[in-house]
Amino acid sequence: MGLNAPNSKYFCLYCNCQSELRWDMDQNFENSGNHACNVKGENRKPALFPAINQENYIPDELHLLLRIVDVLMECFFNDVIKKKEFEKKIKLEIEQAMQNIKVHFEFFKSRSTSGKWDWTSLMGPDKKRVLEHFPISQFISGTRGQEIEKLWKEFLRLYKVLRKPFLSDQEIDAFEIDAKQWIRTFYCATEGRPNSISHKPGLYRKQDVTPYMHVFAQHMHQFMRQLKMKNLSLRYFSTSSIERKNHDQVRLFFGGTTMGGGTEKKSEY
């Protein structure tokens, strides 16, 4: 679509937001297109399909779910992997907790990352099940664990709103406010001194906010309004059927796949 990589300075297809401001929810970035690459030395690449108007590019709600949940899970696992008892105790407990909610999940040491811990790549339905049912506070104690659990459930709630076939103007307005607040909660800083009454542990860093999160909070509500005017919704443009087809082809060709834990059961998005 004529843009540089997602880690470039001007990363967004829909606005001129700079990468170091992805977290900023106090600004409003309109769906006006990315013009900064053309004038600020970013060497914007030519569009692959110049005949298609940029206004007709709609973000895929499925990949918003998949990629944002990837970040949430990675942040959580990075917290627990640091603990001394991870390999002997916590690892097995997490795998059992996943099994309890009927999600096939395993940790393993990856050869491609010099023996660092990696984990099963989950598909859409399993990721939604994890967001809703995984007991985070069992592995991260105190207020921080509870806040992370709320963060996961709130993202799932917002995703379900985004997926609705029909939305009122009030629902879209509420989605805009709540999605931006969700980002603020994601990167909220630690408050107060440790072990004091006023101490409130933070969650993650501003730089952990990804381009997908930026699009989720800054642009999706605009697309929801545009589509509503045409009696359409985002779910009509989902690529879930294409992803399912790709998954089935990989499974049949290679006799298996790492998606969904590499199980033989059928998975649906």
Protein backbone atom coordinates (compact mmCIF):
# COMPACT_ATOMS: atom_id res chain seq x y z
CA MET A 1 0.00 0.00 0.00
CA GLY A 2 2.98 2.24 -0.45
CA LEU A 3 4.29 2.43 3.10
CA ASN A 4 7.50 1.53 4.83
CA ALA A 5 7.75 -1.14 7.51
CA PRO A 6 5.60 -0.91 10.67
CA ASN A 7 8.72 0.11 12.61
CA SER A 8 9.43 3.11 10.37
CA LYS A 9 9.01 6.65 11.68
CA TYR A 10 5.76 7.25 9.80
CA PHE A 11 4.23 3.81 10.11
CA CYS A 12 0.49 4.34 9.75
CA LEU A 13 -1.42 3.95 6.50
CA TYR A 14 -4.17 6.27 7.68
CA CYS A 15 -2.39 9.23 9.32
CA ASN A 16 0.92 11.03 9.86
CA CYS A 17 1.47 9.82 13.41
CA GLN A 18 5.13 9.35 14.29
CA SER A 19 6.26 6.06 15.80
CA GLU A 20 7.27 7.63 19.11
CA LEU A 21 3.71 8.96 19.54
CA ARG A 22 1.78 5.74 18.96
CA TRP A 23 0.79 5.76 22.63
CA ASP A 24 -0.60 9.32 22.61
CA MET A 25 -4.38 9.14 23.00
CA ASP A 26 -4.81 12.84 23.72
CA GLN A 27 -4.32 13.63 20.05
CA ASN A 28 -6.87 12.80 17.36
CA PHE A 29 -5.47 11.33 14.16
CA GLU A 30 -7.95 11.55 11.31
CA ASN A 31 -8.22 9.02 8.50
CA SER A 32 -6.62 11.46 6.09
CA GLY A 33 -3.86 9.20 4.76
CA ASN A 34 -0.12 9.15 5.31
CA HIS A 35 1.47 12.10 3.54
CA ALA A 36 4.54 12.49 5.75
CA CYS A 37 6.48 9.78 3.92
CA ASN A 38 6.34 11.83 0.74
CA VAL A 39 7.71 15.06 2.16
CA LYS A 40 9.97 14.16 5.08
CA GLY A 41 12.63 11.97 3.53
CA GLU A 42 11.03 8.63 4.34
CA ASN A 43 11.30 7.37 0.74
CA ARG A 44 7.76 6.08 0.57
CA LYS A 45 7.46 2.95 -1.51
CA PRO A 46 5.12 2.86 -4.52
CA ALA A 47 1.67 1.37 -3.95
CA LEU A 48 1.21 -2.22 -5.08
CA PHE A 49 -2.32 -1.51 -6.30
CA PRO A 50 -2.42 2.15 -7.38
CA ALA A 51 -5.83 1.69 -9.00
CA ILE A 52 -7.43 1.13 -5.58
CA ASN A 53 -8.30 4.30 -3.71
CA GLN A 54 -6.79 4.34 -0.23
CA GLU A 55 -10.20 5.14 1.24
CA ASN A 56 -11.23 1.62 0.28
CA TYR A 57 -8.61 -0.05 2.49
CA ILE A 58 -10.40 -1.27 5.63
CA PRO A 59 -8.44 -2.66 8.62
CA ASP A 60 -9.05 -6.35 9.20
CA GLU A 61 -10.68 -6.91 12.59
CA LEU A 62 -9.35 -10.47 12.81
CA HIS A 63 -5.71 -9.39 12.57
CA LEU A 64 -6.30 -6.63 15.10
CA LEU A 65 -7.43 -9.34 17.49
CA LEU A 66 -4.58 -11.73 16.68
CA ARG A 67 -1.74 -9.21 16.83
CA ILE A 68 -2.93 -7.30 19.90
CA VAL A 69 -3.50 -10.52 21.83
CA ASP A 70 0.01 -11.58 20.81
CA VAL A 71 1.33 -8.46 22.55
CA LEU A 72 -0.78 -9.01 25.66
CA MET A 73 0.35 -12.62 25.98
CA GLU A 74 4.00 -11.77 25.31
CA CYS A 75 3.97 -9.05 27.97
CA PHE A 76 2.43 -11.46 30.46
CA PHE A 77 4.80 -14.32 29.65
CA ASN A 78 7.83 -12.02 29.84
CA ASP A 79 6.79 -11.23 33.41
CA VAL A 80 6.50 -14.84 34.53
CA ILE A 81 9.49 -16.22 32.60
CA LYS A 82 11.76 -13.96 34.66
CA LYS A 83 10.80 -15.77 37.84
CA LYS A 84 13.24 -18.38 39.18
CA GLU A 85 10.58 -21.05 39.58
CA PHE A 86 9.26 -20.68 36.03
CA GLU A 87 10.77 -23.80 34.46
CA LYS A 88 10.08 -26.16 37.35
CA LYS A 89 6.72 -24.86 38.53
CA ILE A 90 5.05 -21.90 36.78
CA LYS A 91 5.46 -23.30 33.27
CA LEU A 92 3.55 -26.46 34.16
CA GLU A 93 0.88 -24.51 36.03
CA ILE A 94 0.24 -22.22 33.05
CA GLU A 95 0.00 -25.18 30.68
CA GLN A 96 -2.47 -26.83 33.08
CA ALA A 97 -4.50 -23.62 33.36
CA MET A 98 -4.70 -23.51 29.56
CA GLN A 99 -5.79 -27.13 29.49
CA ASN A 100 -8.50 -26.34 32.05
CA ILE A 101 -10.05 -23.83 29.63
CA LYS A 102 -9.68 -26.32 26.75
CA VAL A 103 -6.80 -24.58 24.98
CA HIS A 104 -3.87 -26.67 23.75
CA PHE A 105 -0.79 -24.74 24.81
CA GLU A 106 2.86 -25.52 25.51
CA PHE A 107 6.10 -23.68 26.23
CA PHE A 108 9.23 -24.77 24.40
CA LYS A 109 12.77 -23.55 23.86
CA SER A 110 13.16 -22.24 20.34
CA ARG A 111 16.24 -23.06 18.26
CA SER A 112 15.71 -19.91 16.20
CA THR A 113 16.00 -17.68 19.29
CA SER A 114 19.06 -19.30 20.88
CA GLY A 115 17.12 -21.43 23.30
CA LYS A 116 14.82 -18.70 24.61
CA TRP A 117 11.35 -19.70 25.71
CA ASP A 118 8.64 -19.64 23.07
CA TRP A 119 5.05 -20.87 23.13
CA THR A 120 2.26 -22.31 21.03
CA SER A 121 0.79 -19.99 18.40
CA LEU A 122 -2.95 -19.87 19.07
CA MET A 123 -5.76 -19.29 16.62
CA GLY A 124 -8.58 -16.77 16.95
CA PRO A 125 -11.12 -18.78 19.00
CA ASP A 126 -8.45 -19.96 21.44
CA LYS A 127 -7.16 -16.43 21.90
CA LYS A 128 -10.65 -15.21 22.72
CA ARG A 129 -11.05 -18.06 25.19
CA VAL A 130 -7.75 -17.12 26.84
CA LEU A 131 -8.77 -13.46 27.11
CA GLU A 132 -12.01 -14.41 28.79
CA HIS A 133 -11.04 -17.29 31.06
CA PHE A 134 -7.29 -17.40 31.75
CA PRO A 135 -6.60 -16.72 35.49
CA ILE A 136 -3.82 -14.13 35.24
CA SER A 137 -4.07 -13.12 38.90
CA GLN A 138 -3.11 -16.69 39.80
CA PHE A 139 0.37 -16.02 38.38
CA ILE A 140 0.81 -12.29 39.02
CA SER A 141 -0.25 -11.46 42.54
CA GLY A 142 -1.75 -8.30 43.93
CA THR A 143 -3.30 -5.33 42.21
CA ARG A 144 -1.15 -5.64 39.10
CA GLY A 145 -2.41 -9.13 38.31
CA GLN A 146 -6.00 -7.98 38.75
CA GLU A 147 -5.44 -4.97 36.51
CA ILE A 148 -3.89 -7.09 33.75
CA GLU A 149 -6.84 -9.47 33.96
CA LYS A 150 -9.22 -6.51 33.59
CA LEU A 151 -7.14 -5.24 30.67
CA TRP A 152 -7.56 -8.53 28.81
CA LYS A 153 -11.29 -8.74 29.43
CA GLU A 154 -11.85 -5.12 28.43
CA PHE A 155 -10.07 -5.67 25.12
CA LEU A 156 -12.31 -8.68 24.45
CA ARG A 157 -15.39 -6.58 25.23
CA LEU A 158 -14.26 -3.84 22.85
CA TYR A 159 -13.50 -6.39 20.15
CA LYS A 160 -17.02 -7.80 20.46
CA VAL A 161 -18.42 -4.28 20.03
CA LEU A 162 -16.28 -3.79 16.94
CA ARG A 163 -17.65 -7.07 15.53
CA LYS A 164 -21.32 -6.15 15.89
CA PRO A 165 -23.31 -6.15 12.63
CA PHE A 166 -25.21 -3.02 13.65
CA LEU A 167 -24.02 -0.16 15.84
CA SER A 168 -25.69 3.01 17.04
CA ASP A 169 -23.91 6.36 17.02
CA GLN A 170 -23.81 6.22 20.81
CA GLU A 171 -22.11 2.82 20.76
CA ILE A 172 -19.46 4.06 18.34
CA ASP A 173 -18.85 7.17 20.45
CA ALA A 174 -18.47 4.99 23.54
CA PHE A 175 -16.11 2.66 21.67
CA GLU A 176 -13.85 5.59 20.76
CA ILE A 177 -13.64 6.78 24.36
CA ASP A 178 -13.17 3.30 25.82
CA ALA A 179 -10.58 2.17 23.25
CA LYS A 180 -8.40 5.21 23.95
CA GLN A 181 -8.77 4.68 27.68
CA TRP A 182 -7.77 1.05 27.19
CA ILE A 183 -4.47 2.20 25.65
CA ARG A 184 -3.90 4.61 28.55
CA THR A 185 -4.47 1.76 30.99
CA PHE A 186 -2.08 -0.46 29.04
CA TYR A 187 0.86 1.93 29.46
CA CYS A 188 -0.05 3.46 32.82
CA ALA A 189 3.01 4.17 34.95
CA THR A 190 3.66 3.08 38.52
CA GLU A 191 2.32 5.54 41.08
CA GLY A 192 3.53 6.17 44.63
CA ARG A 193 6.37 4.62 46.56
CA PRO A 194 6.73 0.84 46.88
CA ASN A 195 5.10 -0.63 50.01
CA SER A 196 3.20 2.61 50.65
CA ILE A 197 -0.58 3.02 50.81
CA SER A 198 -0.54 5.18 47.69
CA HIS A 199 1.51 2.66 45.68
CA LYS A 200 -0.19 1.54 42.47
CA PRO A 201 1.88 -0.69 40.17
CA GLY A 202 1.94 0.20 36.50
CA LEU A 203 1.43 -2.23 33.66
CA TYR A 204 3.56 -1.72 30.56
CA ARG A 205 5.60 0.91 28.73
CA LYS A 206 4.54 3.51 26.19
CA GLN A 207 6.90 1.97 23.65
CA ASP A 208 5.03 -1.33 24.00
CA VAL A 209 2.04 0.24 22.23
CA THR A 210 2.13 -1.21 18.71
CA PRO A 211 0.88 0.07 15.33
CA TYR A 212 -2.07 -2.31 15.60
CA MET A 213 -3.01 -0.75 18.93
CA HIS A 214 -2.74 2.72 17.41
CA VAL A 215 -5.11 1.73 14.60
CA PHE A 216 -7.46 0.06 17.07
CA ALA A 217 -7.86 3.17 19.23
CA GLN A 218 -7.37 6.01 16.75
CA HIS A 219 -8.89 4.79 13.50
CA MET A 220 -11.37 1.95 13.99
CA HIS A 221 -14.13 4.20 15.32
CA GLN A 222 -13.79 6.36 12.21
CA PHE A 223 -14.20 3.34 9.95
CA MET A 224 -17.16 2.19 12.02
CA ARG A 225 -18.88 5.54 11.39
CA GLN A 226 -18.04 5.53 7.68
CA LEU A 227 -19.36 2.01 7.21
CA LYS A 228 -22.49 2.71 9.24
CA MET A 229 -23.41 5.45 6.77
CA LYS A 230 -23.40 2.75 4.06
CA ASN A 231 -25.30 0.21 6.19
CA LEU A 232 -22.15 -1.89 6.49
CA SER A 233 -19.96 -3.08 9.35
CA LEU A 234 -16.37 -4.23 9.83
CA ARG A 235 -17.31 -7.88 10.17
CA TYR A 236 -18.31 -7.92 6.49
CA PHE A 237 -14.66 -7.28 5.59
CA SER A 238 -13.08 -9.88 7.85
CA THR A 239 -10.40 -12.11 6.34
CA SER A 240 -11.22 -14.98 8.70
CA SER A 241 -12.43 -17.21 5.86
CA ILE A 242 -9.18 -16.64 3.95
CA GLU A 243 -7.13 -17.38 7.05
CA ARG A 244 -9.12 -20.55 7.64
CA LYS A 245 -8.52 -21.63 4.04
CA ASN A 246 -4.78 -20.95 4.40
CA HIS A 247 -4.66 -22.91 7.66
CA ASP A 248 -6.41 -25.90 6.09
CA GLN A 249 -4.10 -25.87 3.06
CA VAL A 250 -0.98 -25.76 5.25
CA ARG A 251 -2.33 -28.57 7.42
CA LEU A 252 -3.14 -30.77 4.43
CA PHE A 253 0.10 -30.06 2.56
CA PHE A 254 2.50 -30.53 5.46
CA GLY A 255 0.41 -33.04 7.37
CA GLY A 256 0.21 -30.67 10.32
CA THR A 257 0.63 -27.10 11.48
CA THR A 258 1.88 -25.28 14.54
CA MET A 259 -1.23 -23.11 14.56
CA GLY A 260 -3.66 -24.04 17.30
CA GLY A 261 -0.93 -26.03 19.00
CA GLY A 262 -0.47 -28.41 16.10
CA THR A 263 -3.51 -30.45 17.06
CA GLU A 264 -5.53 -32.51 14.64
CA LYS A 265 -8.86 -31.03 15.66
CA LYS A 266 -10.54 -28.53 13.39
CA SER A 267 -10.27 -24.90 14.39
CA GLU A 268 -12.50 -22.05 13.37
CA TYR A 269 -11.95 -18.31 13.47
